[in-house]
Amino acid sequence: MNIITENDVGKRLDVYISESEGITRSAAQKLIADDNVTVNGKFPAKNYKLRLGDEIETELPEPVSGDAVPQNIPLDIVYEDSDLLVVNKPRGMVVHPAPGNPDGTLVNALLYHCADSLSGIGGVIRPGIVHRIDKDTSGLLIVAKNDASHLKLAEQIKSHSFEREYRAVVLGNIKEDSGTVDKPIGRDPRDRKRMAVCADGRNARTHFQVLERFSAMGHSYTFVRCILETGRTHQIRVHMKSLGHPLLGDTLYGGGNTKFEHSLGELLSGQCLTASHIGFVHPISGSHLAFDCELPDYFNEILARLRKASM
């Protein structure tokens, strides 16, 4: 922990982090954006002006050594042109190399498939990656092949014009047929691996629609469609938990403990969540593109078992 003295009063937080940690200003801004910096226990904006006595804590992520390497891993490519591609990522695949997952990732597969045709904005570890989905979340992901496409796609995400829809199974019976969760999300101060609804978090909004309700082995479950207006880390998982309906199999946020979940065995690996639709304006041609994917086999099997148990 660093405590601000008179010498640094009035300095921008990103400038201070850059100087104190010996990193670039853009790297400091990324640390702040990723909620790896707190000021007096709260998550600040990058342009926060330091005050006398402020307590600054910075958590540096573990370094990942070396560049990502190409690997011949099959890809389910939904769409591809010279500027971008849309991939249907399987459950269990990590998007980019990270501590504990140095290879076998989507990025490794993309490097083999695309060779040098990936944007460099994400750096050597995340070439082409415009947005991410969790390891145990399956579904559609867009990848940029050049920097111009990457920047324009990222701007659409920032302005909330990028369409992202998910399908999920949650615990409990959601009584409303539809609704909106509008609650800020930030890093959980008690557990850095988790996100949480918190007053000083970043704006987050999720719309949901009930598709089907079930009862199995003494518990209720709901099949829902979730539409992201924003794209915070673990947004759907956190928002559903905040309603008292954690995702099926999501042990990080309160799922995974019912008899039905235990009965699924290896069929249920992590949260029951899939990215089923994306839509966006093509960054070069300006045409609107939209893609949907079928529910993965494991998801359909879980739904089939819920329907059978509910009969």
C-alpha atoms as a PDB file:
ATOM      1  CA  MET A   1       0.000   0.000   0.000  1.00  0.00           C
ATOM      2  CA  ASN A   2       1.175   3.532  -0.824  1.00  0.00           C
ATOM      3  CA  ILE A   3      -0.017   6.620   1.064  1.00  0.00           C
ATOM      4  CA  ILE A   4      -0.121   9.877  -0.884  1.00  0.00           C
ATOM      5  CA  THR A   5       2.099  12.660   0.400  1.00  0.00           C
ATOM      6  CA  GLU A   6       2.140  16.361  -0.498  1.00  0.00           C
ATOM      7  CA  ASN A   7       4.517  15.683  -3.409  1.00  0.00           C
ATOM      8  CA  ASP A   8       1.812  13.773  -5.331  1.00  0.00           C
ATOM      9  CA  VAL A   9      -1.334  15.692  -4.365  1.00  0.00           C
ATOM     10  CA  GLY A  10      -3.320  16.688  -7.461  1.00  0.00           C
ATOM     11  CA  LYS A  11      -1.601  14.168  -9.726  1.00  0.00           C
ATOM     12  CA  ARG A  12      -3.749  11.963 -11.954  1.00  0.00           C
ATOM     13  CA  LEU A  13      -4.005   8.396 -10.686  1.00  0.00           C
ATOM     14  CA  ASP A  14      -2.863   6.800 -13.961  1.00  0.00           C
ATOM     15  CA  VAL A  15       0.212   9.024 -14.001  1.00  0.00           C
ATOM     16  CA  TYR A  16       1.017   8.129 -10.392  1.00  0.00           C
ATOM     17  CA  ILE A  17       0.617   4.365 -11.042  1.00  0.00           C
ATOM     18  CA  SER A  18       2.793   4.640 -14.138  1.00  0.00           C
ATOM     19  CA  GLU A  19       5.559   6.332 -12.171  1.00  0.00           C
ATOM     20  CA  SER A  20       5.331   4.246  -9.007  1.00  0.00           C
ATOM     21  CA  GLU A  21       5.165   0.872 -10.780  1.00  0.00           C
ATOM     22  CA  GLY A  22       7.572   1.729 -13.604  1.00  0.00           C
ATOM     23  CA  ILE A  23       5.060   0.900 -16.349  1.00  0.00           C
ATOM     24  CA  THR A  24       3.613   2.793 -19.306  1.00  0.00           C
ATOM     25  CA  ARG A  25       0.656   5.098 -18.795  1.00  0.00           C
ATOM     26  CA  SER A  26      -1.541   2.917 -21.018  1.00  0.00           C
ATOM     27  CA  ALA A  27      -0.605  -0.117 -18.916  1.00  0.00           C
ATOM     28  CA  ALA A  28      -1.499   1.841 -15.777  1.00  0.00           C
ATOM     29  CA  GLN A  29      -4.855   2.783 -17.292  1.00  0.00           C
ATOM     30  CA  LYS A  30      -5.536  -0.874 -18.071  1.00  0.00           C
ATOM     31  CA  LEU A  31      -4.778  -1.838 -14.463  1.00  0.00           C
ATOM     32  CA  ILE A  32      -7.317   0.749 -13.305  1.00  0.00           C
ATOM     33  CA  ALA A  33      -9.913  -0.335 -15.882  1.00  0.00           C
ATOM     34  CA  ASP A  34      -9.502  -3.971 -14.812  1.00  0.00           C
ATOM     35  CA  ASP A  35     -10.142  -3.031 -11.158  1.00  0.00           C
ATOM     36  CA  ASN A  36      -6.595  -3.858 -10.095  1.00  0.00           C
ATOM     37  CA  VAL A  37      -6.202  -0.490  -8.362  1.00  0.00           C
ATOM     38  CA  THR A  38      -8.109   0.810  -5.331  1.00  0.00           C
ATOM     39  CA  VAL A  39      -8.081   4.219  -3.666  1.00  0.00           C
ATOM     40  CA  ASN A  40      -9.170   4.063  -0.047  1.00  0.00           C
ATOM     41  CA  GLY A  41     -10.698   0.670  -0.764  1.00  0.00           C
ATOM     42  CA  LYS A  42     -12.781   1.874  -3.732  1.00  0.00           C
ATOM     43  CA  PHE A  43     -12.368   1.498  -7.490  1.00  0.00           C
ATOM     44  CA  PRO A  44     -11.527   4.909  -8.996  1.00  0.00           C
ATOM     45  CA  ALA A  45     -11.551   6.443 -12.468  1.00  0.00           C
ATOM     46  CA  LYS A  46      -8.217   6.694 -14.270  1.00  0.00           C
ATOM     47  CA  ASN A  47      -8.341  10.518 -14.109  1.00  0.00           C
ATOM     48  CA  TYR A  48      -8.920  10.607 -10.344  1.00  0.00           C
ATOM     49  CA  LYS A  49      -6.878  13.416  -8.772  1.00  0.00           C
ATOM     50  CA  LEU A  50      -4.871  12.274  -5.771  1.00  0.00           C
ATOM     51  CA  ARG A  51      -5.519  13.757  -2.339  1.00  0.00           C
ATOM     52  CA  LEU A  52      -3.333  13.937   0.729  1.00  0.00           C
ATOM     53  CA  GLY A  53      -3.473  10.686   2.686  1.00  0.00           C
ATOM     54  CA  ASP A  54      -5.105   8.610  -0.062  1.00  0.00           C
ATOM     55  CA  GLU A  55      -4.309   4.917   0.345  1.00  0.00           C
ATOM     56  CA  ILE A  56      -3.377   3.350  -3.001  1.00  0.00           C
ATOM     57  CA  GLU A  57      -3.287  -0.407  -3.492  1.00  0.00           C
ATOM     58  CA  THR A  58      -2.136  -1.882  -6.795  1.00  0.00           C
ATOM     59  CA  GLU A  59      -2.433  -5.560  -7.663  1.00  0.00           C
ATOM     60  CA  LEU A  60      -0.177  -6.499 -10.582  1.00  0.00           C
ATOM     61  CA  PRO A  61      -1.426  -9.557 -12.508  1.00  0.00           C
ATOM     62  CA  GLU A  62       0.929 -12.477 -12.848  1.00  0.00           C
ATOM     63  CA  PRO A  63       3.136 -12.090 -15.919  1.00  0.00           C
ATOM     64  CA  VAL A  64       2.715 -14.435 -18.844  1.00  0.00           C
ATOM     65  CA  SER A  65       6.073 -15.109 -20.448  1.00  0.00           C
ATOM     66  CA  GLY A  66       6.667 -15.130 -24.182  1.00  0.00           C
ATOM     67  CA  ASP A  67       4.412 -14.648 -27.174  1.00  0.00           C
ATOM     68  CA  ALA A  68       1.391 -16.812 -27.889  1.00  0.00           C
ATOM     69  CA  VAL A  69       2.333 -19.520 -30.402  1.00  0.00           C
ATOM     70  CA  PRO A  70       0.276 -20.956 -33.280  1.00  0.00           C
ATOM     71  CA  GLN A  71      -1.355 -24.324 -32.594  1.00  0.00           C
ATOM     72  CA  ASN A  72      -3.363 -26.484 -34.972  1.00  0.00           C
ATOM     73  CA  ILE A  73      -6.594 -26.541 -32.973  1.00  0.00           C
ATOM     74  CA  PRO A  74      -9.919 -26.925 -34.841  1.00  0.00           C
ATOM     75  CA  LEU A  75     -12.107 -23.834 -34.961  1.00  0.00           C
ATOM     76  CA  ASP A  76     -15.861 -23.566 -35.545  1.00  0.00           C
ATOM     77  CA  ILE A  77     -15.856 -20.505 -37.811  1.00  0.00           C
ATOM     78  CA  VAL A  78     -19.317 -19.027 -38.366  1.00  0.00           C
ATOM     79  CA  TYR A  79     -18.190 -16.160 -40.627  1.00  0.00           C
ATOM     80  CA  GLU A  80     -14.933 -14.862 -42.052  1.00  0.00           C
ATOM     81  CA  ASP A  81     -13.731 -12.140 -44.404  1.00  0.00           C
ATOM     82  CA  SER A  82     -10.545 -10.111 -44.798  1.00  0.00           C
ATOM     83  CA  ASP A  83     -11.329  -7.885 -41.787  1.00  0.00           C
ATOM     84  CA  LEU A  84     -12.807 -10.154 -39.135  1.00  0.00           C
ATOM     85  CA  LEU A  85     -14.120 -13.559 -38.229  1.00  0.00           C
ATOM     86  CA  VAL A  86     -16.847 -14.859 -35.928  1.00  0.00           C
ATOM     87  CA  VAL A  87     -16.019 -18.001 -33.966  1.00  0.00           C
ATOM     88  CA  ASN A  88     -18.257 -20.343 -31.990  1.00  0.00           C
ATOM     89  CA  LYS A  89     -16.040 -21.052 -28.962  1.00  0.00           C
ATOM     90  CA  PRO A  90     -16.553 -24.393 -27.216  1.00  0.00           C
ATOM     91  CA  ARG A  91     -17.045 -24.685 -23.470  1.00  0.00           C
ATOM     92  CA  GLY A  92     -13.757 -25.291 -21.668  1.00  0.00           C
ATOM     93  CA  MET A  93     -11.564 -23.289 -24.063  1.00  0.00           C
ATOM     94  CA  VAL A  94      -9.757 -20.255 -22.627  1.00  0.00           C
ATOM     95  CA  VAL A  95      -9.770 -17.216 -24.919  1.00  0.00           C
ATOM     96  CA  HIS A  96      -6.125 -16.166 -24.503  1.00  0.00           C
ATOM     97  CA  PRO A  97      -2.990 -17.411 -22.673  1.00  0.00           C
ATOM     98  CA  ALA A  98      -2.874 -16.607 -18.972  1.00  0.00           C
ATOM     99  CA  PRO A  99      -1.241 -18.029 -15.855  1.00  0.00           C
ATOM    100  CA  GLY A 100      -2.290 -21.668 -15.643  1.00  0.00           C
ATOM    101  CA  ASN A 101      -3.358 -21.718 -19.319  1.00  0.00           C
ATOM    102  CA  PRO A 102      -0.222 -20.979 -21.370  1.00  0.00           C
ATOM    103  CA  ASP A 103      -1.487 -22.677 -24.556  1.00  0.00           C
ATOM    104  CA  GLY A 104      -4.402 -24.549 -26.073  1.00  0.00           C
ATOM    105  CA  THR A 105      -6.376 -21.308 -26.144  1.00  0.00           C
ATOM    106  CA  LEU A 106      -8.517 -19.673 -28.798  1.00  0.00           C
ATOM    107  CA  VAL A 107      -5.660 -17.263 -29.541  1.00  0.00           C
ATOM    108  CA  ASN A 108      -3.279 -20.159 -30.209  1.00  0.00           C
ATOM    109  CA  ALA A 109      -5.803 -21.600 -32.666  1.00  0.00           C
ATOM    110  CA  LEU A 110      -6.375 -18.212 -34.324  1.00  0.00           C
ATOM    111  CA  LEU A 111      -2.650 -17.659 -34.824  1.00  0.00           C
ATOM    112  CA  TYR A 112      -2.449 -20.951 -36.716  1.00  0.00           C
ATOM    113  CA  HIS A 113      -5.546 -20.224 -38.802  1.00  0.00           C
ATOM    114  CA  CYS A 114      -4.898 -16.545 -39.545  1.00  0.00           C
ATOM    115  CA  ALA A 115      -1.083 -16.476 -39.542  1.00  0.00           C
ATOM    116  CA  ASP A 116      -0.108 -12.777 -39.371  1.00  0.00           C
ATOM    117  CA  SER A 117      -3.626 -11.484 -40.124  1.00  0.00           C
ATOM    118  CA  LEU A 118      -4.734 -10.462 -36.638  1.00  0.00           C
ATOM    119  CA  SER A 119      -4.932  -7.014 -35.082  1.00  0.00           C
ATOM    120  CA  GLY A 120      -2.095  -6.108 -32.743  1.00  0.00           C
ATOM    121  CA  ILE A 121      -4.019  -3.851 -30.367  1.00  0.00           C
ATOM    122  CA  GLY A 122      -4.459  -6.615 -27.806  1.00  0.00           C
ATOM    123  CA  GLY A 123      -0.711  -7.255 -27.695  1.00  0.00           C
ATOM    124  CA  VAL A 124       1.206 -10.473 -28.281  1.00  0.00           C
ATOM    125  CA  ILE A 125      -0.948 -12.455 -25.841  1.00  0.00           C
ATOM    126  CA  ARG A 126      -4.351 -11.264 -27.133  1.00  0.00           C
ATOM    127  CA  PRO A 127      -4.007 -10.579 -30.876  1.00  0.00           C
ATOM    128  CA  GLY A 128      -7.355  -9.942 -32.533  1.00  0.00           C
ATOM    129  CA  ILE A 129      -9.400 -10.265 -29.334  1.00  0.00           C
ATOM    130  CA  VAL A 130     -12.020  -7.509 -29.202  1.00  0.00           C
ATOM    131  CA  HIS A 131     -14.136  -8.992 -26.384  1.00  0.00           C
ATOM    132  CA  ARG A 132     -13.974 -12.130 -24.261  1.00  0.00           C
ATOM    133  CA  ILE A 133     -16.204 -14.803 -22.790  1.00  0.00           C
ATOM    134  CA  ASP A 134     -15.336 -17.015 -19.845  1.00  0.00           C
ATOM    135  CA  LYS A 135     -13.642 -20.392 -20.190  1.00  0.00           C
ATOM    136  CA  ASP A 136     -16.795 -22.328 -19.293  1.00  0.00           C
ATOM    137  CA  THR A 137     -19.082 -20.118 -21.387  1.00  0.00           C
ATOM    138  CA  SER A 138     -19.575 -21.339 -24.940  1.00  0.00           C
ATOM    139  CA  GLY A 139     -20.703 -19.369 -27.955  1.00  0.00           C
ATOM    140  CA  LEU A 140     -20.059 -16.559 -30.393  1.00  0.00           C
ATOM    141  CA  LEU A 141     -17.009 -14.320 -30.303  1.00  0.00           C
ATOM    142  CA  ILE A 142     -15.785 -11.741 -32.830  1.00  0.00           C
ATOM    143  CA  VAL A 143     -12.097 -11.465 -33.783  1.00  0.00           C
ATOM    144  CA  ALA A 144     -10.479  -8.530 -35.622  1.00  0.00           C
ATOM    145  CA  LYS A 145      -7.907  -9.152 -38.356  1.00  0.00           C
ATOM    146  CA  ASN A 146      -6.535  -5.616 -38.447  1.00  0.00           C
ATOM    147  CA  ASP A 147      -6.248  -2.610 -36.167  1.00  0.00           C
ATOM    148  CA  ALA A 148      -8.773  -0.490 -38.063  1.00  0.00           C
ATOM    149  CA  SER A 149     -11.448  -3.152 -37.621  1.00  0.00           C
ATOM    150  CA  HIS A 150     -10.499  -3.680 -33.990  1.00  0.00           C
ATOM    151  CA  LEU A 151     -10.855   0.005 -33.107  1.00  0.00           C
ATOM    152  CA  LYS A 152     -14.229   0.401 -34.807  1.00  0.00           C
ATOM    153  CA  LEU A 153     -15.623  -2.784 -33.247  1.00  0.00           C
ATOM    154  CA  ALA A 154     -14.366  -1.735 -29.820  1.00  0.00           C
ATOM    155  CA  GLU A 155     -16.104   1.618 -30.263  1.00  0.00           C
ATOM    156  CA  GLN A 156     -19.409  -0.158 -30.950  1.00  0.00           C
ATOM    157  CA  ILE A 157     -19.022  -2.138 -27.744  1.00  0.00           C
ATOM    158  CA  LYS A 158     -18.223   1.052 -25.829  1.00  0.00           C
ATOM    159  CA  SER A 159     -21.290   2.830 -27.236  1.00  0.00           C
ATOM    160  CA  HIS A 160     -23.528  -0.199 -26.443  1.00  0.00           C
ATOM    161  CA  SER A 161     -24.576  -0.663 -30.085  1.00  0.00           C
ATOM    162  CA  PHE A 162     -22.955  -4.121 -30.257  1.00  0.00           C
ATOM    163  CA  GLU A 163     -25.654  -6.817 -29.877  1.00  0.00           C
ATOM    164  CA  ARG A 164     -24.914  -9.696 -27.478  1.00  0.00           C
ATOM    165  CA  GLU A 165     -27.479 -12.247 -26.365  1.00  0.00           C
ATOM    166  CA  TYR A 166     -27.000 -15.269 -24.142  1.00  0.00           C
ATOM    167  CA  ARG A 167     -29.007 -18.279 -23.034  1.00  0.00           C
ATOM    168  CA  ALA A 168     -28.700 -19.484 -19.440  1.00  0.00           C
ATOM    169  CA  VAL A 169     -30.303 -21.798 -16.923  1.00  0.00           C
ATOM    170  CA  VAL A 170     -30.576 -20.320 -13.432  1.00  0.00           C
ATOM    171  CA  LEU A 171     -31.604 -21.689 -10.054  1.00  0.00           C
ATOM    172  CA  GLY A 172     -35.045 -20.825  -8.757  1.00  0.00           C
ATOM    173  CA  ASN A 173     -38.248 -19.638 -10.358  1.00  0.00           C
ATOM    174  CA  ILE A 174     -38.010 -16.120 -11.818  1.00  0.00           C
ATOM    175  CA  LYS A 175     -41.580 -14.925 -11.339  1.00  0.00           C
ATOM    176  CA  GLU A 176     -41.432 -12.016 -13.795  1.00  0.00           C
ATOM    177  CA  ASP A 177     -41.608 -12.944 -17.479  1.00  0.00           C
ATOM    178  CA  SER A 178     -39.066 -10.246 -18.284  1.00  0.00           C
ATOM    179  CA  GLY A 179     -37.089  -7.501 -16.606  1.00  0.00           C
ATOM    180  CA  THR A 180     -33.919  -5.440 -16.413  1.00  0.00           C
ATOM    181  CA  VAL A 181     -31.095  -5.573 -13.890  1.00  0.00           C
ATOM    182  CA  ASP A 182     -29.430  -2.167 -13.628  1.00  0.00           C
ATOM    183  CA  LYS A 183     -26.743  -2.519 -10.956  1.00  0.00           C
ATOM    184  CA  PRO A 184     -23.078  -1.407 -11.017  1.00  0.00           C
ATOM    185  CA  ILE A 185     -20.426  -4.115 -11.000  1.00  0.00           C
ATOM    186  CA  GLY A 186     -16.880  -3.993  -9.644  1.00  0.00           C
ATOM    187  CA  ARG A 187     -14.229  -6.266  -8.175  1.00  0.00           C
ATOM    188  CA  ASP A 188     -15.360  -7.958  -4.955  1.00  0.00           C
ATOM    189  CA  PRO A 189     -13.097  -6.435  -2.270  1.00  0.00           C
ATOM    190  CA  ARG A 190     -13.351  -9.649  -0.229  1.00  0.00           C
ATOM    191  CA  ASP A 191     -12.366 -11.979  -3.078  1.00  0.00           C
ATOM    192  CA  ARG A 192     -10.343 -10.719  -6.055  1.00  0.00           C
ATOM    193  CA  LYS A 193     -11.447 -13.685  -8.195  1.00  0.00           C
ATOM    194  CA  ARG A 194     -15.059 -12.552  -8.012  1.00  0.00           C
ATOM    195  CA  MET A 195     -17.005  -9.559  -9.207  1.00  0.00           C
ATOM    196  CA  ALA A 196     -19.884  -8.101  -7.222  1.00  0.00           C
ATOM    197  CA  VAL A 197     -22.660  -5.528  -7.302  1.00  0.00           C
ATOM    198  CA  CYS A 198     -21.182  -2.511  -5.528  1.00  0.00           C
ATOM    199  CA  ALA A 199     -22.056   1.179  -5.331  1.00  0.00           C
ATOM    200  CA  ASP A 200     -18.691   2.327  -6.689  1.00  0.00           C
ATOM    201  CA  GLY A 201     -18.628  -0.221  -9.519  1.00  0.00           C
ATOM    202  CA  ARG A 202     -19.072   0.439 -13.217  1.00  0.00           C
ATOM    203  CA  ASN A 203     -22.481   0.883 -14.807  1.00  0.00           C
ATOM    204  CA  ALA A 204     -23.943  -2.478 -15.872  1.00  0.00           C
ATOM    205  CA  ARG A 205     -27.308  -3.325 -17.389  1.00  0.00           C
ATOM    206  CA  THR A 206     -28.746  -6.736 -18.318  1.00  0.00           C
ATOM    207  CA  HIS A 207     -32.178  -7.385 -19.826  1.00  0.00           C
ATOM    208  CA  PHE A 208     -33.720 -10.830 -19.344  1.00  0.00           C
ATOM    209  CA  GLN A 209     -36.680 -12.787 -20.666  1.00  0.00           C
ATOM    210  CA  VAL A 210     -37.977 -16.077 -19.253  1.00  0.00           C
ATOM    211  CA  LEU A 211     -38.150 -18.811 -21.885  1.00  0.00           C
ATOM    212  CA  GLU A 212     -39.145 -21.831 -19.787  1.00  0.00           C
ATOM    213  CA  ARG A 213     -39.613 -22.878 -16.161  1.00  0.00           C
ATOM    214  CA  PHE A 214     -38.858 -26.267 -14.594  1.00  0.00           C
ATOM    215  CA  SER A 215     -39.063 -28.230 -11.370  1.00  0.00           C
ATOM    216  CA  ALA A 216     -36.587 -31.047 -10.732  1.00  0.00           C
ATOM    217  CA  MET A 217     -35.592 -32.988  -7.609  1.00  0.00           C
ATOM    218  CA  GLY A 218     -37.197 -30.552  -5.215  1.00  0.00           C
ATOM    219  CA  HIS A 219     -35.880 -27.334  -6.781  1.00  0.00           C
ATOM    220  CA  SER A 220     -37.065 -24.864  -9.408  1.00  0.00           C
ATOM    221  CA  TYR A 221     -35.037 -23.733 -12.429  1.00  0.00           C
ATOM    222  CA  THR A 222     -35.557 -21.111 -15.133  1.00  0.00           C
ATOM    223  CA  PHE A 223     -34.313 -21.029 -18.730  1.00  0.00           C
ATOM    224  CA  VAL A 224     -33.632 -17.395 -19.652  1.00  0.00           C
ATOM    225  CA  ARG A 225     -32.538 -15.195 -22.521  1.00  0.00           C
ATOM    226  CA  CYS A 226     -30.157 -12.434 -21.412  1.00  0.00           C
ATOM    227  CA  ILE A 227     -29.328  -9.349 -23.469  1.00  0.00           C
ATOM    228  CA  LEU A 228     -26.260  -7.345 -22.536  1.00  0.00           C
ATOM    229  CA  GLU A 229     -26.447  -3.585 -22.772  1.00  0.00           C
ATOM    230  CA  THR A 230     -22.989  -3.326 -21.203  1.00  0.00           C
ATOM    231  CA  GLY A 231     -20.236  -5.927 -21.038  1.00  0.00           C
ATOM    232  CA  ARG A 232     -18.699  -6.106 -17.570  1.00  0.00           C
ATOM    233  CA  THR A 233     -16.687  -9.092 -16.398  1.00  0.00           C
ATOM    234  CA  HIS A 234     -19.055 -11.893 -15.257  1.00  0.00           C
ATOM    235  CA  GLN A 235     -21.987  -9.523 -15.814  1.00  0.00           C
ATOM    236  CA  ILE A 236     -24.768 -12.071 -16.315  1.00  0.00           C
ATOM    237  CA  ARG A 237     -23.438 -14.298 -13.546  1.00  0.00           C
ATOM    238  CA  VAL A 238     -23.276 -11.409 -11.066  1.00  0.00           C
ATOM    239  CA  HIS A 239     -26.611  -9.875 -12.039  1.00  0.00           C
ATOM    240  CA  MET A 240     -28.483 -13.179 -11.846  1.00  0.00           C
ATOM    241  CA  LYS A 241     -26.933 -13.872  -8.450  1.00  0.00           C
ATOM    242  CA  SER A 242     -28.045 -10.416  -7.290  1.00  0.00           C
ATOM    243  CA  LEU A 243     -31.641 -11.456  -8.069  1.00  0.00           C
ATOM    244  CA  GLY A 244     -31.199 -14.619  -5.999  1.00  0.00           C
ATOM    245  CA  HIS A 245     -30.893 -16.792  -9.118  1.00  0.00           C
ATOM    246  CA  PRO A 246     -27.273 -17.904  -9.659  1.00  0.00           C
ATOM    247  CA  LEU A 247     -26.518 -19.808 -12.830  1.00  0.00           C
ATOM    248  CA  LEU A 248     -26.782 -23.582 -12.855  1.00  0.00           C
ATOM    249  CA  GLY A 249     -23.323 -25.006 -12.100  1.00  0.00           C
ATOM    250  CA  ASP A 250     -21.778 -21.634 -11.232  1.00  0.00           C
ATOM    251  CA  THR A 251     -19.990 -22.541  -7.997  1.00  0.00           C
ATOM    252  CA  LEU A 252     -18.212 -19.164  -7.897  1.00  0.00           C
ATOM    253  CA  TYR A 253     -21.517 -17.330  -7.468  1.00  0.00           C
ATOM    254  CA  GLY A 254     -23.672 -19.776  -5.532  1.00  0.00           C
ATOM    255  CA  GLY A 255     -24.709 -22.505  -7.966  1.00  0.00           C
ATOM    256  CA  GLY A 256     -23.676 -26.147  -8.127  1.00  0.00           C
ATOM    257  CA  ASN A 257     -25.197 -27.395  -4.868  1.00  0.00           C
ATOM    258  CA  THR A 258     -28.601 -28.898  -5.765  1.00  0.00           C
ATOM    259  CA  LYS A 259     -29.366 -32.593  -6.227  1.00  0.00           C
ATOM    260  CA  PHE A 260     -30.190 -32.044  -9.885  1.00  0.00           C
ATOM    261  CA  GLU A 261     -26.851 -30.350 -10.525  1.00  0.00           C
ATOM    262  CA  HIS A 262     -25.003 -33.207  -8.820  1.00  0.00           C
ATOM    263  CA  SER A 263     -26.979 -35.713 -10.927  1.00  0.00           C
ATOM    264  CA  LEU A 264     -25.594 -34.166 -14.129  1.00  0.00           C
ATOM    265  CA  GLY A 265     -22.035 -35.240 -13.310  1.00  0.00           C
ATOM    266  CA  GLU A 266     -19.504 -34.331 -16.007  1.00  0.00           C
ATOM    267  CA  LEU A 267     -22.277 -33.005 -18.259  1.00  0.00           C
ATOM    268  CA  LEU A 268     -22.274 -29.844 -16.136  1.00  0.00           C
ATOM    269  CA  SER A 269     -18.848 -28.196 -16.129  1.00  0.00           C
ATOM    270  CA  GLY A 270     -19.069 -24.644 -14.843  1.00  0.00           C
ATOM    271  CA  GLN A 271     -21.928 -22.212 -15.449  1.00  0.00           C
ATOM    272  CA  CYS A 272     -24.710 -23.165 -17.869  1.00  0.00           C
ATOM    273  CA  LEU A 273     -24.306 -20.167 -20.166  1.00  0.00           C
ATOM    274  CA  THR A 274     -23.835 -19.743 -23.899  1.00  0.00           C
ATOM    275  CA  ALA A 275     -23.415 -16.684 -26.145  1.00  0.00           C
ATOM    276  CA  SER A 276     -26.117 -17.349 -28.728  1.00  0.00           C
ATOM    277  CA  HIS A 277     -26.281 -14.130 -30.791  1.00  0.00           C
ATOM    278  CA  ILE A 278     -24.094 -11.229 -31.825  1.00  0.00           C
ATOM    279  CA  GLY A 279     -24.873  -8.351 -34.133  1.00  0.00           C
ATOM    280  CA  PHE A 280     -22.766  -5.393 -35.238  1.00  0.00           C
ATOM    281  CA  VAL A 281     -21.996  -2.982 -38.056  1.00  0.00           C
ATOM    282  CA  HIS A 282     -19.161  -4.242 -40.232  1.00  0.00           C
ATOM    283  CA  PRO A 283     -16.214  -1.960 -39.402  1.00  0.00           C
ATOM    284  CA  ILE A 284     -15.201  -1.496 -43.051  1.00  0.00           C
ATOM    285  CA  SER A 285     -18.261  -2.040 -45.282  1.00  0.00           C
ATOM    286  CA  GLY A 286     -20.770  -0.463 -42.875  1.00  0.00           C
ATOM    287  CA  SER A 287     -23.309  -3.256 -43.403  1.00  0.00           C
ATOM    288  CA  HIS A 288     -25.137  -4.767 -40.437  1.00  0.00           C
ATOM    289  CA  LEU A 289     -24.216  -8.376 -39.645  1.00  0.00           C
ATOM    290  CA  ALA A 290     -25.980 -10.690 -37.208  1.00  0.00           C
ATOM    291  CA  PHE A 291     -25.215 -14.287 -36.279  1.00  0.00           C
ATOM    292  CA  ASP A 292     -26.935 -16.932 -34.189  1.00  0.00           C
ATOM    293  CA  CYS A 293     -25.734 -20.349 -33.137  1.00  0.00           C
ATOM    294  CA  GLU A 294     -27.558 -23.465 -32.008  1.00  0.00           C
ATOM    295  CA  LEU A 295     -27.430 -24.406 -28.355  1.00  0.00           C
ATOM    296  CA  PRO A 296     -24.485 -26.755 -27.714  1.00  0.00           C
ATOM    297  CA  ASP A 297     -25.184 -30.446 -27.121  1.00  0.00           C
ATOM    298  CA  TYR A 298     -24.511 -30.308 -23.374  1.00  0.00           C
ATOM    299  CA  PHE A 299     -26.981 -27.431 -22.989  1.00  0.00           C
ATOM    300  CA  ASN A 300     -29.712 -29.244 -24.949  1.00  0.00           C
ATOM    301  CA  GLU A 301     -29.186 -32.383 -22.864  1.00  0.00           C
ATOM    302  CA  ILE A 302     -29.561 -30.404 -19.624  1.00  0.00           C
ATOM    303  CA  LEU A 303     -32.790 -28.855 -20.920  1.00  0.00           C
ATOM    304  CA  ALA A 304     -34.066 -32.306 -21.960  1.00  0.00           C
ATOM    305  CA  ARG A 305     -33.431 -33.674 -18.463  1.00  0.00           C
ATOM    306  CA  LEU A 306     -35.152 -30.680 -16.874  1.00  0.00           C
ATOM    307  CA  ARG A 307     -38.195 -31.125 -19.112  1.00  0.00           C
ATOM    308  CA  LYS A 308     -38.373 -34.835 -18.345  1.00  0.00           C
ATOM    309  CA  ALA A 309     -38.092 -34.213 -14.579  1.00  0.00           C
ATOM    310  CA  SER A 310     -40.823 -31.555 -14.787  1.00  0.00           C
ATOM    311  CA  MET A 311     -43.397 -33.841 -16.433  1.00  0.00           C
END
